[in-house]
Amino acid sequence: MIRFSKYLRVYALISALVLIPGIVSLLRYGLKPSIDFTGGTLVEFSLAGTSSGTVAGAADEAGLGAVSVQSSPGDTYLVRARPDATGSVENFIARLENISSASAVILRNEMVGPTLGRELLGKTVTAALIAVCGILLYVAYAFKNFRYGVSAVIALLHDVLVVFGTFSLLGLVRGVEVDTLFVTAFLTTMSFSVHDTIVVFDRIREYTKRSGKLGFEETCDRALTETMGRSLANSFTIVFMLVALILLGGGTIRWFAVALLVGTVSGTYSSPFVATPILILWHRWEEKRRK
């Protein structure tokens, strides 16, 4: 049995080193929103003899500032650009025609609003808060102890802050933007975090009922020792898939996969090294108060 409870300060230090830079970046710079949040220009055209890379390069040269370029059969391309782009669509199309020596047919040229409006974002935040409260109450009821619910929610918030902080830093350093896929990734992180935590808590409850001779900390150590292999095996299967998506999946879903990877690693860490230490510290506090 590994005595995980002997290193609580180490776990706190690791979490602080990861969380503090991200929280500082979030408070000072925030997240960099994509066109899904800000709206912008949508241009769809058909042009033979070109490629997505050429289209993106011509958009940058024309000052259009393309956020994404999607190709479809029939030499058709869909370009999304920010509303504050300095260049014009006409200049962009003219550059492409010069490069490809062919005439472009513009199928669509319009301004679009944000995919995620303020009202929808407000509803998303409200739904997330309701979900957190539901998780707190359900875990507390399932384990017949309120501290289990609080510990699970704190671990969940830890993982969400890790993902948000990481992308705030990536936006500052690499210009990475958050979009609808990022919202999906952070909601998935919430689900994965609670799922892994409940597995550990269930083993702690089981051994607490069985092993009356062991103290609470020894019970937690035994539960973590026996569930660690299962948790790592489960997480590594997800990590390998996400790494493959990051390397081979293309630019459209790369940062979505990165967000899931960060959330998976953080969720794997927080279950044994955030949620369980909170349970142990809470138990120590209750023991001191009784004495």
Protein backbone atom coordinates (compact mmCIF):
# COMPACT_ATOMS: atom_id res chain seq x y z
CA MET A 1 0.00 0.00 0.00
CA ILE A 2 1.37 3.40 -1.05
CA ARG A 3 1.04 6.14 1.59
CA PHE A 4 -0.37 8.86 -0.65
CA SER A 5 -1.57 10.82 2.38
CA LYS A 6 2.02 11.64 3.38
CA TYR A 7 2.47 14.00 0.41
CA LEU A 8 -0.52 16.33 0.63
CA ARG A 9 1.69 19.43 0.54
CA VAL A 10 3.33 18.19 -2.66
CA TYR A 11 -0.07 17.84 -4.33
CA ALA A 12 -1.04 21.33 -3.20
CA LEU A 13 2.21 22.75 -4.59
CA ILE A 14 1.74 21.05 -7.97
CA SER A 15 -1.82 22.36 -8.25
CA ALA A 16 -0.70 25.86 -7.27
CA LEU A 17 2.08 25.85 -9.89
CA VAL A 18 -0.43 24.88 -12.57
CA LEU A 19 -3.38 27.03 -11.46
CA ILE A 20 -1.80 30.35 -10.46
CA PRO A 21 -0.29 31.32 -13.87
CA GLY A 22 -3.53 30.40 -15.62
CA ILE A 23 -5.74 32.29 -13.15
CA VAL A 24 -3.52 35.38 -13.38
CA SER A 25 -3.70 35.23 -17.18
CA LEU A 26 -7.48 34.76 -17.05
CA LEU A 27 -7.98 37.75 -14.77
CA ARG A 28 -5.62 40.00 -16.74
CA TYR A 29 -6.11 38.93 -20.36
CA GLY A 30 -9.11 36.60 -20.41
CA LEU A 31 -9.75 34.21 -23.29
CA LYS A 32 -9.31 35.12 -26.95
CA PRO A 33 -12.74 34.71 -28.59
CA SER A 34 -13.12 33.30 -32.08
CA ILE A 35 -15.57 34.32 -34.77
CA ASP A 36 -18.15 32.05 -33.11
CA PHE A 37 -18.36 34.65 -30.32
CA THR A 38 -17.72 37.85 -32.29
CA GLY A 39 -19.34 37.29 -35.70
CA GLY A 40 -17.63 38.32 -38.93
CA THR A 41 -17.54 38.00 -42.72
CA LEU A 42 -18.50 34.82 -44.57
CA VAL A 43 -17.28 34.33 -48.15
CA GLU A 44 -18.08 31.26 -50.24
CA PHE A 45 -16.73 30.98 -53.76
CA SER A 46 -15.80 28.50 -56.45
CA LEU A 47 -12.35 28.64 -58.07
CA ALA A 48 -10.43 25.96 -59.93
CA GLY A 49 -6.69 25.46 -59.70
CA THR A 50 -6.14 26.50 -56.09
CA SER A 51 -5.86 24.95 -52.62
CA SER A 52 -6.81 25.73 -49.03
CA GLY A 53 -3.26 26.85 -48.25
CA THR A 54 -3.25 29.23 -51.21
CA VAL A 55 -6.63 30.63 -50.18
CA ALA A 56 -5.43 31.23 -46.61
CA GLY A 57 -2.23 32.90 -47.87
CA ALA A 58 -4.13 35.19 -50.23
CA ALA A 59 -6.54 36.15 -47.42
CA ASP A 60 -3.61 37.15 -45.19
CA GLU A 61 -1.96 39.15 -47.98
CA ALA A 62 -5.22 40.95 -48.70
CA GLY A 63 -5.67 41.81 -45.01
CA LEU A 64 -8.84 39.76 -44.77
CA GLY A 65 -7.56 37.87 -41.71
CA ALA A 66 -9.18 34.52 -42.43
CA VAL A 67 -10.06 32.63 -39.28
CA SER A 68 -10.85 29.37 -41.08
CA VAL A 69 -10.83 28.02 -44.62
CA GLN A 70 -12.99 25.02 -45.48
CA SER A 71 -12.92 23.24 -48.83
CA SER A 72 -15.65 21.10 -50.37
CA PRO A 73 -16.08 19.14 -53.61
CA GLY A 74 -16.34 21.17 -56.79
CA ASP A 75 -13.42 23.51 -55.97
CA THR A 76 -15.63 25.39 -53.52
CA TYR A 77 -14.17 27.22 -50.52
CA LEU A 78 -15.75 28.78 -47.46
CA VAL A 79 -13.75 31.53 -45.73
CA ARG A 80 -14.66 33.01 -42.34
CA ALA A 81 -13.02 36.33 -41.40
CA ARG A 82 -13.26 38.70 -38.47
CA PRO A 83 -15.55 41.76 -38.66
CA ASP A 84 -12.59 44.10 -38.03
CA ALA A 85 -10.59 42.83 -41.04
CA THR A 86 -8.77 45.69 -42.81
CA GLY A 87 -8.85 44.15 -46.30
CA SER A 88 -11.75 43.76 -48.71
CA VAL A 89 -13.30 40.67 -50.25
CA GLU A 90 -12.81 42.13 -53.75
CA ASN A 91 -9.05 42.49 -53.21
CA PHE A 92 -8.89 38.95 -51.83
CA ILE A 93 -10.73 37.45 -54.82
CA ALA A 94 -8.58 39.45 -57.26
CA ARG A 95 -5.39 38.06 -55.70
CA LEU A 96 -6.71 34.51 -55.95
CA GLU A 97 -7.66 34.96 -59.59
CA ASN A 98 -4.16 36.24 -60.39
CA ILE A 99 -2.58 33.24 -58.65
CA SER A 100 -4.78 30.60 -60.26
CA SER A 101 -5.28 32.36 -63.65
CA ALA A 102 -8.97 31.54 -63.47
CA SER A 103 -12.19 33.39 -62.69
CA ALA A 104 -13.86 32.95 -59.33
CA VAL A 105 -17.60 32.62 -58.85
CA ILE A 106 -18.75 34.18 -55.58
CA LEU A 107 -21.58 32.12 -54.14
CA ARG A 108 -22.00 34.01 -50.88
CA ASN A 109 -20.58 37.21 -49.36
CA GLU A 110 -22.28 38.31 -46.15
CA MET A 111 -21.82 39.47 -42.60
CA VAL A 112 -22.80 36.89 -39.99
CA GLY A 113 -23.58 37.28 -36.32
CA PRO A 114 -21.94 35.28 -33.54
CA THR A 115 -22.89 31.62 -33.31
CA LEU A 116 -22.84 31.90 -29.52
CA GLY A 117 -24.87 34.95 -28.60
CA ARG A 118 -24.92 36.59 -25.20
CA GLU A 119 -28.26 35.02 -24.32
CA LEU A 120 -27.05 31.53 -25.25
CA LEU A 121 -23.84 32.00 -23.27
CA GLY A 122 -25.87 33.11 -20.25
CA LYS A 123 -28.02 29.99 -20.51
CA THR A 124 -24.90 27.84 -20.84
CA VAL A 125 -23.40 29.31 -17.66
CA THR A 126 -26.72 28.90 -15.83
CA ALA A 127 -26.99 25.26 -16.95
CA ALA A 128 -23.40 24.59 -15.84
CA LEU A 129 -24.10 26.06 -12.40
CA ILE A 130 -27.25 23.96 -12.06
CA ALA A 131 -25.23 20.88 -13.07
CA VAL A 132 -22.57 21.66 -10.44
CA CYS A 133 -25.23 22.04 -7.74
CA GLY A 134 -26.87 18.81 -8.89
CA ILE A 135 -23.52 16.97 -8.74
CA LEU A 136 -22.88 18.34 -5.25
CA LEU A 137 -26.27 17.20 -3.94
CA TYR A 138 -26.25 13.84 -5.72
CA VAL A 139 -22.75 12.82 -4.60
CA ALA A 140 -23.52 13.97 -1.04
CA TYR A 141 -26.72 11.89 -1.06
CA ALA A 142 -25.14 8.82 -2.72
CA PHE A 143 -22.30 8.69 -0.19
CA LYS A 144 -24.43 9.87 2.74
CA ASN A 145 -21.84 12.55 3.52
CA PHE A 146 -21.79 16.19 2.42
CA ARG A 147 -18.00 16.38 2.35
CA TYR A 148 -17.86 13.89 -0.53
CA GLY A 149 -20.01 16.19 -2.65
CA VAL A 150 -17.96 19.28 -1.77
CA SER A 151 -14.68 17.47 -2.51
CA ALA A 152 -15.95 16.27 -5.91
CA VAL A 153 -17.09 19.78 -6.89
CA ILE A 154 -13.79 21.37 -5.81
CA ALA A 155 -11.89 18.82 -7.94
CA LEU A 156 -14.24 19.61 -10.84
CA LEU A 157 -13.61 23.36 -10.50
CA HIS A 158 -9.88 22.63 -10.34
CA ASP A 159 -10.04 20.88 -13.72
CA VAL A 160 -12.16 23.61 -15.33
CA LEU A 161 -9.73 26.29 -14.13
CA VAL A 162 -6.80 24.28 -15.51
CA VAL A 163 -8.43 24.12 -18.96
CA PHE A 164 -9.47 27.80 -18.97
CA GLY A 165 -6.12 28.96 -17.63
CA THR A 166 -4.19 26.88 -20.16
CA PHE A 167 -6.14 28.36 -23.07
CA SER A 168 -5.78 31.86 -21.70
CA LEU A 169 -2.01 31.36 -21.73
CA LEU A 170 -2.14 29.76 -25.20
CA GLY A 171 -4.17 32.71 -26.47
CA LEU A 172 -1.57 35.09 -25.07
CA VAL A 173 1.47 33.20 -26.38
CA ARG A 174 0.19 31.46 -29.54
CA GLY A 175 -2.95 33.44 -30.38
CA VAL A 176 -5.20 30.40 -29.83
CA GLU A 177 -8.89 31.28 -29.93
CA VAL A 178 -11.79 29.61 -28.13
CA ASP A 179 -14.85 28.55 -30.12
CA THR A 180 -17.87 26.28 -29.87
CA LEU A 181 -15.64 23.19 -29.79
CA PHE A 182 -13.86 24.60 -26.74
CA VAL A 183 -17.22 24.88 -24.95
CA THR A 184 -17.84 21.21 -25.79
CA ALA A 185 -14.39 20.27 -24.48
CA PHE A 186 -14.83 22.04 -21.15
CA LEU A 187 -18.26 20.45 -20.58
CA THR A 188 -16.72 17.05 -21.38
CA THR A 189 -13.96 17.78 -18.86
CA MET A 190 -16.57 18.39 -16.16
CA SER A 191 -18.17 15.02 -16.87
CA PHE A 192 -14.89 13.09 -16.94
CA SER A 193 -13.63 14.70 -13.74
CA VAL A 194 -16.68 13.71 -11.69
CA HIS A 195 -16.79 10.21 -13.19
CA ASP A 196 -13.22 9.39 -12.14
CA THR A 197 -13.67 10.96 -8.69
CA ILE A 198 -16.76 8.89 -7.94
CA VAL A 199 -14.86 5.68 -8.73
CA VAL A 200 -12.24 6.56 -6.10
CA PHE A 201 -14.86 7.66 -3.56
CA ASP A 202 -16.83 4.45 -4.03
CA ARG A 203 -13.76 2.37 -3.22
CA ILE A 204 -13.10 4.51 -0.11
CA ARG A 205 -16.68 3.96 1.05
CA GLU A 206 -16.41 0.24 0.42
CA TYR A 207 -13.22 -0.13 2.46
CA THR A 208 -14.56 2.10 5.22
CA LYS A 209 -17.44 -0.35 5.72
CA ARG A 210 -15.23 -3.44 5.47
CA SER A 211 -12.06 -2.46 7.33
CA GLY A 212 -13.06 -1.07 10.67
CA LYS A 213 -9.51 -1.45 12.02
CA LEU A 214 -7.93 0.90 9.51
CA GLY A 215 -7.99 4.66 10.05
CA PHE A 216 -9.58 6.94 7.48
CA GLU A 217 -6.24 8.01 5.97
CA GLU A 218 -5.05 4.42 5.63
CA THR A 219 -8.38 3.55 4.00
CA CYS A 220 -7.92 6.35 1.46
CA ASP A 221 -4.36 5.20 0.77
CA ARG A 222 -5.51 1.66 0.18
CA ALA A 223 -8.34 2.79 -2.11
CA LEU A 224 -6.01 4.99 -4.16
CA THR A 225 -3.38 2.25 -4.42
CA GLU A 226 -5.92 -0.20 -5.82
CA THR A 227 -7.68 2.23 -8.19
CA MET A 228 -4.57 4.00 -9.52
CA GLY A 229 -3.79 1.33 -12.11
CA ARG A 230 -7.36 1.32 -13.38
CA SER A 231 -7.48 5.13 -13.58
CA LEU A 232 -4.18 5.37 -15.45
CA ALA A 233 -5.10 2.62 -17.91
CA ASN A 234 -8.44 4.29 -18.62
CA SER A 235 -6.86 7.72 -19.06
CA PHE A 236 -3.98 6.56 -21.25
CA THR A 237 -6.39 5.02 -23.77
CA ILE A 238 -7.99 8.47 -24.10
CA VAL A 239 -4.65 10.29 -24.13
CA PHE A 240 -3.26 8.14 -26.98
CA MET A 241 -6.34 8.83 -29.09
CA LEU A 242 -6.19 12.58 -28.43
CA VAL A 243 -2.47 12.77 -29.21
CA ALA A 244 -3.19 11.06 -32.54
CA LEU A 245 -5.91 13.64 -33.26
CA ILE A 246 -3.57 16.50 -32.39
CA LEU A 247 -0.83 15.19 -34.68
CA LEU A 248 -2.96 13.90 -37.57
CA GLY A 249 -6.44 15.38 -37.21
CA GLY A 250 -5.80 18.68 -38.99
CA GLY A 251 -6.06 22.29 -37.86
CA THR A 252 -9.85 22.35 -37.55
CA ILE A 253 -10.01 20.09 -34.50
CA ARG A 254 -6.43 20.40 -33.21
CA TRP A 255 -7.14 22.81 -30.35
CA PHE A 256 -10.36 20.97 -29.50
CA ALA A 257 -8.25 17.84 -29.01
CA VAL A 258 -5.71 19.84 -26.99
CA ALA A 259 -8.50 21.08 -24.68
CA LEU A 260 -9.74 17.51 -24.19
CA LEU A 261 -6.18 16.32 -23.54
CA VAL A 262 -5.60 18.99 -20.89
CA GLY A 263 -8.95 18.18 -19.27
CA THR A 264 -8.24 14.43 -19.31
CA VAL A 265 -4.82 14.80 -17.71
CA SER A 266 -6.16 17.24 -15.12
CA GLY A 267 -9.15 15.00 -14.35
CA THR A 268 -6.90 11.98 -13.90
CA TYR A 269 -4.73 13.99 -11.50
CA SER A 270 -7.49 15.70 -9.54
CA SER A 271 -9.39 12.58 -8.49
CA PRO A 272 -6.58 11.07 -6.36
CA PHE A 273 -4.57 14.22 -5.66
CA VAL A 274 -7.19 16.96 -5.20
CA ALA A 275 -10.52 15.39 -4.24
CA THR A 276 -9.13 12.70 -1.92
CA PRO A 277 -6.69 15.04 -0.09
CA ILE A 278 -9.62 17.39 0.58
CA LEU A 279 -11.47 14.48 2.17
CA ILE A 280 -8.42 13.68 4.30
CA LEU A 281 -7.89 17.29 5.41
CA TRP A 282 -11.58 17.63 6.21
CA HIS A 283 -11.40 14.44 8.30
CA ARG A 284 -8.36 15.76 10.17
CA TRP A 285 -10.17 19.02 10.89
CA GLU A 286 -13.21 17.16 12.21
CA GLU A 287 -11.00 14.99 14.44
CA LYS A 288 -9.29 18.06 15.90
CA ARG A 289 -12.62 19.74 16.53
CA ARG A 290 -13.91 16.67 18.40
CA LYS A 291 -10.84 16.56 20.61
